[in-house]
Amino acid sequence: MTDVTSFDGTRLALSSWGPPDAPPLLLVHGLGLSTESWGAVPERLADRYRVTAYDLRGHAQSGDARSGGYTMTAHARDLGAVLDEVVPDGARVVVVGHSLGGGILLTHLDAEADDRIAGAVLVGSGASGVTAPGLPARNLPRWARLRLRSGWWTLLRSAVRIGRRIKSVQPVSDRLIRRAAFAPGEPQELVARVRDSFFGSRPLALAGTTMASLSHDGVQLAPAMRVPTLVVHGSRDPEVPGEEVEELMSVLPDGELFTIPDAGHMLPLTHPDVVVAQVRRWMDRLTTGTGRP
């Protein structure tokens, strides 16, 4: 593991797999998770690619945010700092974003074009920002969004602290995580793994990043994604409904949808074979005669 220092001095923890001279892949995880949420995916892709993953600011092994806080802009600038570190001169990278990771990539590309990015894979990642579960942010007047944001900020910080205390009450915490991220019947050991990661997160980082993601509207940003983009979606994803994915696909300039029947949100853990196969397929599509994307 190595470290990268971002724009405001925040330390980001990086992990890498595979030959340094192989085509580069960058993995960006979701809210309340870590590099470990990719499961076996990095190791399985490392036979053909140079795979790098990093922990978001305030998450897992990365440091707490400095002056930049936990805004989507700060997370996007972190992604830029990681790209500066891991993409060799003259090379291009494919970015794979899970959940919030896809929103971070959209925010990065909306700020400015980045010729280093050859393509993207969005895994369990939708687009529409919300101010409350199922309530699209852009459909509310500004005063209502501000009041809801204020209420959610208080509720979220309290929920994380309470969640830490009820970790030992597994039936309660596991039920919450299963409803938020898993389809019926998906393995209990994976539910427990995500529960430990989420409720083990630092409260300020989790609440701050959640607030930033709630006001994020990827549908408005998606036209900036001017690279071939594969969206891998579980048909029973409780976090990203099918309607949201359809809206995203309607505005992506060059997008393709691959649906996994009866799958939930945590696709890298529950369906690693499919995720690996689809990333390989997308890399093959983007590979040039030189062997690099």
Foldseek 3Di string as FASTA:
>chain_A
DDWFQFPQRWIKDKDKAADLPAFEEEEEEDFLFFPCLLPCQRVVLRVHYIYMYIGFAQADPIHHDDPVAQALLRRLRVVVRVCVVRQDPPFAYEYEYAACGVLSPLSNLLVDHDPNHQEYEYALYFFFAALDVPHGPVVDDPVVSVVSLVVLLVVQLVVLVVLLVCLVVPVVLLVVQCLQWWFPPFDSVVSNVSSCSNSVGDSRNNSRNSSNRNNGGRLVSQLSRPHAYEYEEECAANNQHPVRRVSSVVRHPHYDYDYDYRTYRSCSVRPVVVVSVVVVVVQVVRADPVNYD
